[in-house]
């Protein structure tokens, strides 16, 4: 093993020890003995000529020099891994990629968690994410601009696609905690007719989104628009209107109250799905879909 490779391995051992705050856990993570990982960190210190850790019995803490070195070493190893990945792609003459469409108005965290797991497992794959409304995502998938999309279901499933239901969620609305509506236990679309409805949509899709909420959900309120979930929730807090969301969305904080949206005595529900063309030969599509489904199953 050449000298540079030895130091890189020592750096990773040192980083594991600091990140986990434990020699024993770092040894387990790297599949070596505790004494071996301790020896490697000491060897790194000898090579550098200064102490990285102050050891006190079984405890330790970073020295000022060690703290600086740890921070810079993380940047160094990240740059090294990125350089290796880019060089490997050049050597192969192509670039592994995955193009995903994501529903602009969905507020859950499952997609982000699946993306983090996928990127850790396949760092060589370039992942691009495009946000869109239902119709924009459907168009991207149909035209081949996306390998797969996470979308809500607004039409019958097609045999041309793989259609996986990730979750069936009840619809809610979010309102300002200061609004009189916040005292309600539930609400129907008809009861909301005098309150503006905030929709998350690009400018080109506003008419389509409005038609869906009018005709399918039954909300006949005045429609106002936001580009992102963050902007929409600021509008809610400012008492500009109410925001339709899925019931499983993470809490938006104490300044916003969530109310179930009902039709009669039943909650209004919708399916959230992952779709891709059966003809798509990208080998990473099913891998990402599996990670996404696992997140929804937890």
C-alpha atoms as a PDB file:
ATOM      1  CA  UNK A   1       0.000   0.000   0.000  1.00  0.00           C
ATOM      2  CA  UNK A   2       1.479   3.369  -0.992  1.00  0.00           C
ATOM      3  CA  UNK A   3       2.048   6.077   1.621  1.00  0.00           C
ATOM      4  CA  UNK A   4      -0.839   8.268   0.426  1.00  0.00           C
ATOM      5  CA  UNK A   5      -3.303   5.395   0.726  1.00  0.00           C
ATOM      6  CA  UNK A   6      -2.095   4.659   4.260  1.00  0.00           C
ATOM      7  CA  UNK A   7      -2.653   8.253   5.345  1.00  0.00           C
ATOM      8  CA  UNK A   8      -6.098   8.329   3.713  1.00  0.00           C
ATOM      9  CA  UNK A   9      -7.104   5.221   5.653  1.00  0.00           C
ATOM     10  CA  UNK A  10      -5.731   6.751   8.858  1.00  0.00           C
ATOM     11  CA  UNK A  11      -7.732   9.913   8.170  1.00  0.00           C
ATOM     12  CA  UNK A  12     -10.932   7.892   7.840  1.00  0.00           C
ATOM     13  CA  UNK A  13     -10.207   6.027  11.083  1.00  0.00           C
ATOM     14  CA  UNK A  14      -9.595   9.339  12.861  1.00  0.00           C
ATOM     15  CA  UNK A  15     -12.808  10.807  11.435  1.00  0.00           C
ATOM     16  CA  UNK A  16     -14.809   7.767  12.609  1.00  0.00           C
ATOM     17  CA  UNK A  17     -13.418   8.067  16.132  1.00  0.00           C
ATOM     18  CA  UNK A  18     -14.332  11.759  16.340  1.00  0.00           C
ATOM     19  CA  UNK A  19     -17.749  11.399  14.693  1.00  0.00           C
ATOM     20  CA  UNK A  20     -18.775   8.494  16.935  1.00  0.00           C
ATOM     21  CA  UNK A  21     -16.906   9.832  19.980  1.00  0.00           C
ATOM     22  CA  UNK A  22     -15.742   6.286  20.629  1.00  0.00           C
ATOM     23  CA  UNK A  23     -12.751   4.146  19.695  1.00  0.00           C
ATOM     24  CA  UNK A  24     -14.745   0.944  20.159  1.00  0.00           C
ATOM     25  CA  UNK A  25     -17.654   2.049  17.936  1.00  0.00           C
ATOM     26  CA  UNK A  26     -15.254   3.372  15.288  1.00  0.00           C
ATOM     27  CA  UNK A  27     -13.388   0.032  15.339  1.00  0.00           C
ATOM     28  CA  UNK A  28     -16.679  -1.815  14.853  1.00  0.00           C
ATOM     29  CA  UNK A  29     -17.693   0.493  12.004  1.00  0.00           C
ATOM     30  CA  UNK A  30     -14.363  -0.119  10.222  1.00  0.00           C
ATOM     31  CA  UNK A  31     -14.190  -3.869  10.959  1.00  0.00           C
ATOM     32  CA  UNK A  32     -10.906  -3.705  12.866  1.00  0.00           C
ATOM     33  CA  UNK A  33      -9.958  -4.130  16.517  1.00  0.00           C
ATOM     34  CA  UNK A  34     -10.052  -1.267  19.020  1.00  0.00           C
ATOM     35  CA  UNK A  35      -6.309  -1.534  19.611  1.00  0.00           C
ATOM     36  CA  UNK A  36      -5.645  -1.408  15.858  1.00  0.00           C
ATOM     37  CA  UNK A  37      -7.677   1.750  15.301  1.00  0.00           C
ATOM     38  CA  UNK A  38      -5.994   3.389  18.305  1.00  0.00           C
ATOM     39  CA  UNK A  39      -2.592   2.517  16.843  1.00  0.00           C
ATOM     40  CA  UNK A  40      -3.570   3.979  13.468  1.00  0.00           C
ATOM     41  CA  UNK A  41      -4.638   7.289  15.033  1.00  0.00           C
ATOM     42  CA  UNK A  42      -1.392   7.428  17.003  1.00  0.00           C
ATOM     43  CA  UNK A  43       0.544   6.713  13.793  1.00  0.00           C
ATOM     44  CA  UNK A  44      -1.253   9.614  12.129  1.00  0.00           C
ATOM     45  CA  UNK A  45      -0.287  11.881  15.025  1.00  0.00           C
ATOM     46  CA  UNK A  46       3.374  10.822  14.712  1.00  0.00           C
ATOM     47  CA  UNK A  47       3.292  11.480  10.978  1.00  0.00           C
ATOM     48  CA  UNK A  48       1.831  14.952  11.549  1.00  0.00           C
ATOM     49  CA  UNK A  49       4.087  15.787  14.464  1.00  0.00           C
ATOM     50  CA  UNK A  50       1.348  17.011  16.810  1.00  0.00           C
ATOM     51  CA  UNK A  51      -1.452  15.627  18.978  1.00  0.00           C
ATOM     52  CA  UNK A  52      -4.941  15.384  17.589  1.00  0.00           C
ATOM     53  CA  UNK A  53      -6.587  14.023  20.726  1.00  0.00           C
ATOM     54  CA  UNK A  54      -6.148  14.572  24.412  1.00  0.00           C
ATOM     55  CA  UNK A  55      -6.649  11.197  26.081  1.00  0.00           C
ATOM     56  CA  UNK A  56      -7.869  10.990  29.682  1.00  0.00           C
ATOM     57  CA  UNK A  57      -8.372   7.426  30.898  1.00  0.00           C
ATOM     58  CA  UNK A  58     -11.020   6.093  28.502  1.00  0.00           C
ATOM     59  CA  UNK A  59     -12.254   9.531  27.430  1.00  0.00           C
ATOM     60  CA  UNK A  60     -10.735  11.907  24.909  1.00  0.00           C
ATOM     61  CA  UNK A  61     -11.326  15.286  23.346  1.00  0.00           C
ATOM     62  CA  UNK A  62      -9.936  17.092  20.311  1.00  0.00           C
ATOM     63  CA  UNK A  63      -6.984  19.393  20.784  1.00  0.00           C
ATOM     64  CA  UNK A  64      -7.347  22.836  19.152  1.00  0.00           C
ATOM     65  CA  UNK A  65      -5.049  21.590  16.370  1.00  0.00           C
ATOM     66  CA  UNK A  66      -7.072  18.377  16.156  1.00  0.00           C
ATOM     67  CA  UNK A  67     -10.333  20.271  15.825  1.00  0.00           C
ATOM     68  CA  UNK A  68      -8.906  22.320  12.945  1.00  0.00           C
ATOM     69  CA  UNK A  69      -7.412  19.222  11.327  1.00  0.00           C
ATOM     70  CA  UNK A  70     -10.691  17.267  11.647  1.00  0.00           C
ATOM     71  CA  UNK A  71     -12.693  20.002   9.907  1.00  0.00           C
ATOM     72  CA  UNK A  72     -10.185  20.326   7.063  1.00  0.00           C
ATOM     73  CA  UNK A  73      -9.810  16.547   6.719  1.00  0.00           C
ATOM     74  CA  UNK A  74     -13.550  16.166   6.056  1.00  0.00           C
ATOM     75  CA  UNK A  75     -13.269  18.610   3.157  1.00  0.00           C
ATOM     76  CA  UNK A  76     -10.175  16.803   1.894  1.00  0.00           C
ATOM     77  CA  UNK A  77     -11.703  13.321   1.878  1.00  0.00           C
ATOM     78  CA  UNK A  78     -14.940  14.626   0.311  1.00  0.00           C
ATOM     79  CA  UNK A  79     -12.891  16.257  -2.474  1.00  0.00           C
ATOM     80  CA  UNK A  80     -10.915  13.047  -2.953  1.00  0.00           C
ATOM     81  CA  UNK A  81     -14.056  10.914  -3.258  1.00  0.00           C
ATOM     82  CA  UNK A  82     -15.625  13.392  -5.685  1.00  0.00           C
ATOM     83  CA  UNK A  83     -12.438  13.432  -7.782  1.00  0.00           C
ATOM     84  CA  UNK A  84     -12.372   9.623  -7.919  1.00  0.00           C
ATOM     85  CA  UNK A  85     -16.037   9.429  -8.904  1.00  0.00           C
ATOM     86  CA  UNK A  86     -15.635  12.006 -11.662  1.00  0.00           C
ATOM     87  CA  UNK A  87     -12.495  10.299 -12.990  1.00  0.00           C
ATOM     88  CA  UNK A  88     -14.250   6.927 -13.007  1.00  0.00           C
ATOM     89  CA  UNK A  89     -17.102   8.383 -15.057  1.00  0.00           C
ATOM     90  CA  UNK A  90     -14.622   9.832 -17.562  1.00  0.00           C
ATOM     91  CA  UNK A  91     -12.820   6.494 -17.785  1.00  0.00           C
ATOM     92  CA  UNK A  92     -16.078   4.644 -18.486  1.00  0.00           C
ATOM     93  CA  UNK A  93     -17.070   7.194 -21.097  1.00  0.00           C
ATOM     94  CA  UNK A  94     -20.503   7.659 -19.612  1.00  0.00           C
ATOM     95  CA  UNK A  95     -22.245   8.831 -16.486  1.00  0.00           C
ATOM     96  CA  UNK A  96     -24.681   6.842 -14.410  1.00  0.00           C
ATOM     97  CA  UNK A  97     -27.708   9.016 -13.747  1.00  0.00           C
ATOM     98  CA  UNK A  98     -31.221   8.994 -12.345  1.00  0.00           C
ATOM     99  CA  UNK A  99     -33.779  11.703 -13.150  1.00  0.00           C
ATOM    100  CA  UNK A 100     -36.635  11.974 -10.653  1.00  0.00           C
ATOM    101  CA  UNK A 101     -39.753  14.110 -10.671  1.00  0.00           C
ATOM    102  CA  UNK A 102     -41.155  15.148  -7.284  1.00  0.00           C
ATOM    103  CA  UNK A 103     -44.572  16.556  -6.453  1.00  0.00           C
ATOM    104  CA  UNK A 104     -44.158  20.237  -5.651  1.00  0.00           C
ATOM    105  CA  UNK A 105     -46.914  20.362  -3.020  1.00  0.00           C
ATOM    106  CA  UNK A 106     -45.990  17.193  -1.085  1.00  0.00           C
ATOM    107  CA  UNK A 107     -44.696  18.032   2.387  1.00  0.00           C
ATOM    108  CA  UNK A 108     -43.531  14.681   3.818  1.00  0.00           C
ATOM    109  CA  UNK A 109     -39.878  13.798   4.459  1.00  0.00           C
ATOM    110  CA  UNK A 110     -39.846  10.264   3.041  1.00  0.00           C
ATOM    111  CA  UNK A 111     -38.433  11.304  -0.336  1.00  0.00           C
ATOM    112  CA  UNK A 112     -35.525  13.210   1.209  1.00  0.00           C
ATOM    113  CA  UNK A 113     -34.651  10.246   3.434  1.00  0.00           C
ATOM    114  CA  UNK A 114     -34.727   7.817   0.504  1.00  0.00           C
ATOM    115  CA  UNK A 115     -32.578  10.176  -1.567  1.00  0.00           C
ATOM    116  CA  UNK A 116     -29.979  10.390   1.211  1.00  0.00           C
ATOM    117  CA  UNK A 117     -29.826   6.592   1.476  1.00  0.00           C
ATOM    118  CA  UNK A 118     -29.557   6.175  -2.287  1.00  0.00           C
ATOM    119  CA  UNK A 119     -26.771   8.753  -2.578  1.00  0.00           C
ATOM    120  CA  UNK A 120     -24.832   7.032   0.192  1.00  0.00           C
ATOM    121  CA  UNK A 121     -25.222   3.628  -1.478  1.00  0.00           C
ATOM    122  CA  UNK A 122     -24.556   4.833  -5.038  1.00  0.00           C
ATOM    123  CA  UNK A 123     -22.291   7.910  -4.832  1.00  0.00           C
ATOM    124  CA  UNK A 124     -21.282   7.427  -8.457  1.00  0.00           C
ATOM    125  CA  UNK A 125     -24.842   8.017  -9.707  1.00  0.00           C
ATOM    126  CA  UNK A 126     -25.745  11.583 -10.646  1.00  0.00           C
ATOM    127  CA  UNK A 127     -29.267  12.238  -9.325  1.00  0.00           C
ATOM    128  CA  UNK A 128     -31.297  15.182 -10.591  1.00  0.00           C
ATOM    129  CA  UNK A 129     -34.647  16.155  -9.053  1.00  0.00           C
ATOM    130  CA  UNK A 130     -37.251  18.281 -10.814  1.00  0.00           C
ATOM    131  CA  UNK A 131     -40.257  19.670  -8.954  1.00  0.00           C
ATOM    132  CA  UNK A 132     -43.611  19.948 -10.614  1.00  0.00           C
ATOM    133  CA  UNK A 133     -47.380  19.815 -10.346  1.00  0.00           C
ATOM    134  CA  UNK A 134     -49.234  16.591 -11.126  1.00  0.00           C
ATOM    135  CA  UNK A 135     -49.600  17.412 -14.826  1.00  0.00           C
ATOM    136  CA  UNK A 136     -46.009  18.650 -15.192  1.00  0.00           C
ATOM    137  CA  UNK A 137     -44.697  15.409 -13.695  1.00  0.00           C
ATOM    138  CA  UNK A 138     -46.966  13.299 -15.883  1.00  0.00           C
ATOM    139  CA  UNK A 139     -45.705  15.154 -18.955  1.00  0.00           C
ATOM    140  CA  UNK A 140     -42.061  14.680 -17.885  1.00  0.00           C
ATOM    141  CA  UNK A 141     -42.574  10.944 -17.472  1.00  0.00           C
ATOM    142  CA  UNK A 142     -44.501  10.536 -20.705  1.00  0.00           C
ATOM    143  CA  UNK A 143     -41.886  12.459 -22.737  1.00  0.00           C
ATOM    144  CA  UNK A 144     -38.901  10.673 -21.174  1.00  0.00           C
ATOM    145  CA  UNK A 145     -37.596  13.753 -19.325  1.00  0.00           C
ATOM    146  CA  UNK A 146     -37.813  11.818 -16.056  1.00  0.00           C
ATOM    147  CA  UNK A 147     -36.964   8.197 -15.295  1.00  0.00           C
ATOM    148  CA  UNK A 148     -39.524   8.075 -12.507  1.00  0.00           C
ATOM    149  CA  UNK A 149     -41.854  10.421 -10.643  1.00  0.00           C
ATOM    150  CA  UNK A 150     -43.431  10.610  -7.214  1.00  0.00           C
ATOM    151  CA  UNK A 151     -46.916  11.985  -7.817  1.00  0.00           C
ATOM    152  CA  UNK A 152     -50.476  11.935  -6.537  1.00  0.00           C
ATOM    153  CA  UNK A 153     -52.985   9.773  -8.404  1.00  0.00           C
ATOM    154  CA  UNK A 154     -55.523  11.726 -10.442  1.00  0.00           C
ATOM    155  CA  UNK A 155     -56.206   9.271 -13.271  1.00  0.00           C
ATOM    156  CA  UNK A 156     -56.621   5.524 -13.702  1.00  0.00           C
ATOM    157  CA  UNK A 157     -53.427   3.469 -13.703  1.00  0.00           C
ATOM    158  CA  UNK A 158     -52.001   2.715 -17.156  1.00  0.00           C
ATOM    159  CA  UNK A 159     -50.505  -0.629 -18.198  1.00  0.00           C
ATOM    160  CA  UNK A 160     -47.689   1.336 -19.859  1.00  0.00           C
ATOM    161  CA  UNK A 161     -46.299   2.207 -16.419  1.00  0.00           C
ATOM    162  CA  UNK A 162     -45.263   0.558 -13.203  1.00  0.00           C
ATOM    163  CA  UNK A 163     -47.665   2.059 -10.653  1.00  0.00           C
ATOM    164  CA  UNK A 164     -46.852   1.675  -6.945  1.00  0.00           C
ATOM    165  CA  UNK A 165     -49.064   3.230  -4.272  1.00  0.00           C
ATOM    166  CA  UNK A 166     -46.738   4.540  -1.566  1.00  0.00           C
ATOM    167  CA  UNK A 167     -49.440   5.717   0.827  1.00  0.00           C
ATOM    168  CA  UNK A 168     -53.104   6.628   0.977  1.00  0.00           C
ATOM    169  CA  UNK A 169     -53.406   9.823   2.959  1.00  0.00           C
ATOM    170  CA  UNK A 170     -56.335  11.799   4.282  1.00  0.00           C
ATOM    171  CA  UNK A 171     -56.444  15.415   3.165  1.00  0.00           C
ATOM    172  CA  UNK A 172     -56.230  18.238   5.707  1.00  0.00           C
ATOM    173  CA  UNK A 173     -56.002  21.983   5.612  1.00  0.00           C
ATOM    174  CA  UNK A 174     -53.477  24.129   7.455  1.00  0.00           C
ATOM    175  CA  UNK A 175     -54.650  27.431   8.925  1.00  0.00           C
ATOM    176  CA  UNK A 176     -53.159  30.046  11.190  1.00  0.00           C
ATOM    177  CA  UNK A 177     -53.422  29.059  14.853  1.00  0.00           C
ATOM    178  CA  UNK A 178     -54.904  32.537  15.378  1.00  0.00           C
ATOM    179  CA  UNK A 179     -57.735  31.956  12.886  1.00  0.00           C
ATOM    180  CA  UNK A 180     -61.241  31.093  14.211  1.00  0.00           C
ATOM    181  CA  UNK A 181     -61.067  28.074  11.867  1.00  0.00           C
ATOM    182  CA  UNK A 182     -58.340  26.616  14.099  1.00  0.00           C
ATOM    183  CA  UNK A 183     -61.019  25.766  16.686  1.00  0.00           C
ATOM    184  CA  UNK A 184     -62.810  23.366  14.323  1.00  0.00           C
ATOM    185  CA  UNK A 185     -62.405  19.585  14.706  1.00  0.00           C
ATOM    186  CA  UNK A 186     -63.005  19.050  10.973  1.00  0.00           C
ATOM    187  CA  UNK A 187     -64.244  20.985   7.952  1.00  0.00           C
ATOM    188  CA  UNK A 188     -65.860  20.285   4.579  1.00  0.00           C
ATOM    189  CA  UNK A 189     -64.955  21.938   1.250  1.00  0.00           C
ATOM    190  CA  UNK A 190     -68.346  23.653   1.158  1.00  0.00           C
ATOM    191  CA  UNK A 191     -67.699  25.281   4.534  1.00  0.00           C
ATOM    192  CA  UNK A 192     -64.506  26.842   3.160  1.00  0.00           C
ATOM    193  CA  UNK A 193     -66.144  28.709   0.267  1.00  0.00           C
ATOM    194  CA  UNK A 194     -65.589  32.135   1.848  1.00  0.00           C
ATOM    195  CA  UNK A 195     -61.905  31.556   2.677  1.00  0.00           C
ATOM    196  CA  UNK A 196     -59.062  31.795   0.120  1.00  0.00           C
ATOM    197  CA  UNK A 197     -57.350  28.523  -0.743  1.00  0.00           C
ATOM    198  CA  UNK A 198     -53.558  28.607  -1.148  1.00  0.00           C
ATOM    199  CA  UNK A 199     -52.274  26.295  -3.886  1.00  0.00           C
ATOM    200  CA  UNK A 200     -48.612  25.474  -4.547  1.00  0.00           C
ATOM    201  CA  UNK A 201     -48.188  25.740  -8.297  1.00  0.00           C
ATOM    202  CA  UNK A 202     -46.046  27.188 -11.036  1.00  0.00           C
ATOM    203  CA  UNK A 203     -47.669  29.993 -12.984  1.00  0.00           C
ATOM    204  CA  UNK A 204     -48.321  27.812 -16.041  1.00  0.00           C
ATOM    205  CA  UNK A 205     -50.177  25.151 -14.016  1.00  0.00           C
ATOM    206  CA  UNK A 206     -52.448  27.371 -11.949  1.00  0.00           C
ATOM    207  CA  UNK A 207     -55.535  26.848 -14.078  1.00  0.00           C
ATOM    208  CA  UNK A 208     -55.078  23.055 -14.083  1.00  0.00           C
ATOM    209  CA  UNK A 209     -54.578  22.917 -10.304  1.00  0.00           C
ATOM    210  CA  UNK A 210     -57.579  25.152  -9.728  1.00  0.00           C
ATOM    211  CA  UNK A 211     -59.754  22.892 -11.885  1.00  0.00           C
ATOM    212  CA  UNK A 212     -58.674  19.812  -9.919  1.00  0.00           C
ATOM    213  CA  UNK A 213     -59.446  21.355  -6.538  1.00  0.00           C
ATOM    214  CA  UNK A 214     -62.751  22.744  -7.799  1.00  0.00           C
ATOM    215  CA  UNK A 215     -64.006  19.658  -9.650  1.00  0.00           C
ATOM    216  CA  UNK A 216     -62.472  16.737  -7.728  1.00  0.00           C
ATOM    217  CA  UNK A 217     -61.823  17.943  -4.183  1.00  0.00           C
ATOM    218  CA  UNK A 218     -64.823  20.289  -4.207  1.00  0.00           C
ATOM    219  CA  UNK A 219     -63.101  23.436  -2.950  1.00  0.00           C
ATOM    220  CA  UNK A 220     -64.848  26.398  -4.598  1.00  0.00           C
ATOM    221  CA  UNK A 221     -62.935  29.122  -2.792  1.00  0.00           C
ATOM    222  CA  UNK A 222     -60.949  31.963  -4.277  1.00  0.00           C
ATOM    223  CA  UNK A 223     -57.553  30.529  -5.250  1.00  0.00           C
ATOM    224  CA  UNK A 224     -54.250  32.233  -4.440  1.00  0.00           C
ATOM    225  CA  UNK A 225     -50.837  30.779  -5.263  1.00  0.00           C
ATOM    226  CA  UNK A 226     -47.398  30.095  -3.863  1.00  0.00           C
ATOM    227  CA  UNK A 227     -44.332  28.671  -5.624  1.00  0.00           C
ATOM    228  CA  UNK A 228     -43.048  26.603  -2.658  1.00  0.00           C
ATOM    229  CA  UNK A 229     -44.326  24.989   0.532  1.00  0.00           C
ATOM    230  CA  UNK A 230     -42.265  27.482   2.560  1.00  0.00           C
ATOM    231  CA  UNK A 231     -43.924  30.438   0.834  1.00  0.00           C
ATOM    232  CA  UNK A 232     -47.360  28.859   1.245  1.00  0.00           C
ATOM    233  CA  UNK A 233     -46.913  28.344   4.977  1.00  0.00           C
ATOM    234  CA  UNK A 234     -45.777  31.933   5.450  1.00  0.00           C
ATOM    235  CA  UNK A 235     -49.021  32.947   3.753  1.00  0.00           C
ATOM    236  CA  UNK A 236     -50.941  30.690   6.162  1.00  0.00           C
ATOM    237  CA  UNK A 237     -49.214  32.242   9.174  1.00  0.00           C
ATOM    238  CA  UNK A 238     -50.037  35.681   7.749  1.00  0.00           C
ATOM    239  CA  UNK A 239     -53.717  34.621   7.608  1.00  0.00           C
ATOM    240  CA  UNK A 240     -53.927  34.942   3.826  1.00  0.00           C
ATOM    241  CA  UNK A 241     -55.888  31.686   3.513  1.00  0.00           C
ATOM    242  CA  UNK A 242     -55.804  27.932   4.112  1.00  0.00           C
ATOM    243  CA  UNK A 243     -53.416  25.371   2.598  1.00  0.00           C
ATOM    244  CA  UNK A 244     -54.462  21.812   1.577  1.00  0.00           C
ATOM    245  CA  UNK A 245     -51.885  19.224   2.740  1.00  0.00           C
ATOM    246  CA  UNK A 246     -51.668  15.474   3.333  1.00  0.00           C
ATOM    247  CA  UNK A 247     -52.412  14.252   6.860  1.00  0.00           C
ATOM    248  CA  UNK A 248     -49.007  12.637   7.328  1.00  0.00           C
ATOM    249  CA  UNK A 249     -47.063  15.848   6.729  1.00  0.00           C
ATOM    250  CA  UNK A 250     -44.555  16.800   9.441  1.00  0.00           C
ATOM    251  CA  UNK A 251     -45.728  19.405  11.925  1.00  0.00           C
ATOM    252  CA  UNK A 252     -45.417  22.975  10.685  1.00  0.00           C
ATOM    253  CA  UNK A 253     -45.019  24.353  14.220  1.00  0.00           C
ATOM    254  CA  UNK A 254     -47.292  25.925  16.823  1.00  0.00           C
ATOM    255  CA  UNK A 255     -48.243  28.877  14.619  1.00  0.00           C
ATOM    256  CA  UNK A 256     -50.153  26.573  12.232  1.00  0.00           C
ATOM    257  CA  UNK A 257     -53.096  24.282  13.019  1.00  0.00           C
ATOM    258  CA  UNK A 258     -54.061  21.279  10.883  1.00  0.00           C
ATOM    259  CA  UNK A 259     -57.737  20.356  10.404  1.00  0.00           C
ATOM    260  CA  UNK A 260     -59.113  17.179   8.719  1.00  0.00           C
ATOM    261  CA  UNK A 261     -60.922  17.825   5.423  1.00  0.00           C
ATOM    262  CA  UNK A 262     -64.126  15.782   5.232  1.00  0.00           C
ATOM    263  CA  UNK A 263     -66.779  14.865   2.702  1.00  0.00           C
ATOM    264  CA  UNK A 264     -69.827  14.054   4.759  1.00  0.00           C
ATOM    265  CA  UNK A 265     -68.585  11.847   7.591  1.00  0.00           C
ATOM    266  CA  UNK A 266     -65.624  10.484   5.643  1.00  0.00           C
ATOM    267  CA  UNK A 267     -62.159  12.019   5.253  1.00  0.00           C
ATOM    268  CA  UNK A 268     -61.167  13.021   1.736  1.00  0.00           C
ATOM    269  CA  UNK A 269     -58.285  10.758   0.695  1.00  0.00           C
ATOM    270  CA  UNK A 270     -55.790  10.505  -2.135  1.00  0.00           C
ATOM    271  CA  UNK A 271     -53.072   8.105  -3.215  1.00  0.00           C
ATOM    272  CA  UNK A 272     -49.427   9.130  -3.471  1.00  0.00           C
ATOM    273  CA  UNK A 273     -47.543   6.920  -5.898  1.00  0.00           C
ATOM    274  CA  UNK A 274     -44.266   6.300  -7.668  1.00  0.00           C
ATOM    275  CA  UNK A 275     -44.480   5.752 -11.431  1.00  0.00           C
ATOM    276  CA  UNK A 276     -42.067   4.764 -14.198  1.00  0.00           C
ATOM    277  CA  UNK A 277     -42.380   3.404 -17.704  1.00  0.00           C
ATOM    278  CA  UNK A 278     -42.139  -0.372 -17.977  1.00  0.00           C
ATOM    279  CA  UNK A 279     -39.848   0.180 -20.964  1.00  0.00           C
ATOM    280  CA  UNK A 280     -37.348   2.192 -18.896  1.00  0.00           C
ATOM    281  CA  UNK A 281     -34.072   0.256 -18.698  1.00  0.00           C
ATOM    282  CA  UNK A 282     -32.388   2.440 -16.034  1.00  0.00           C
ATOM    283  CA  UNK A 283     -31.244  -0.108 -13.449  1.00  0.00           C
ATOM    284  CA  UNK A 284     -31.403   2.418 -10.604  1.00  0.00           C
ATOM    285  CA  UNK A 285     -35.133   3.123 -10.892  1.00  0.00           C
ATOM    286  CA  UNK A 286     -36.295   0.045  -8.993  1.00  0.00           C
ATOM    287  CA  UNK A 287     -33.537   0.494  -6.417  1.00  0.00           C
ATOM    288  CA  UNK A 288     -34.692   4.023  -5.594  1.00  0.00           C
ATOM    289  CA  UNK A 289     -38.349   2.973  -5.650  1.00  0.00           C
ATOM    290  CA  UNK A 290     -37.556   0.223  -3.133  1.00  0.00           C
ATOM    291  CA  UNK A 291     -35.882   2.695  -0.775  1.00  0.00           C
ATOM    292  CA  UNK A 292     -38.806   5.088  -1.147  1.00  0.00           C
ATOM    293  CA  UNK A 293     -41.385   2.386  -0.416  1.00  0.00           C
ATOM    294  CA  UNK A 294     -39.401   1.335   2.660  1.00  0.00           C
ATOM    295  CA  UNK A 295     -39.531   4.890   4.012  1.00  0.00           C
ATOM    296  CA  UNK A 296     -43.301   5.013   3.641  1.00  0.00           C
ATOM    297  CA  UNK A 297     -43.631   1.602   5.291  1.00  0.00           C
ATOM    298  CA  UNK A 298     -41.855   2.754   8.481  1.00  0.00           C
END
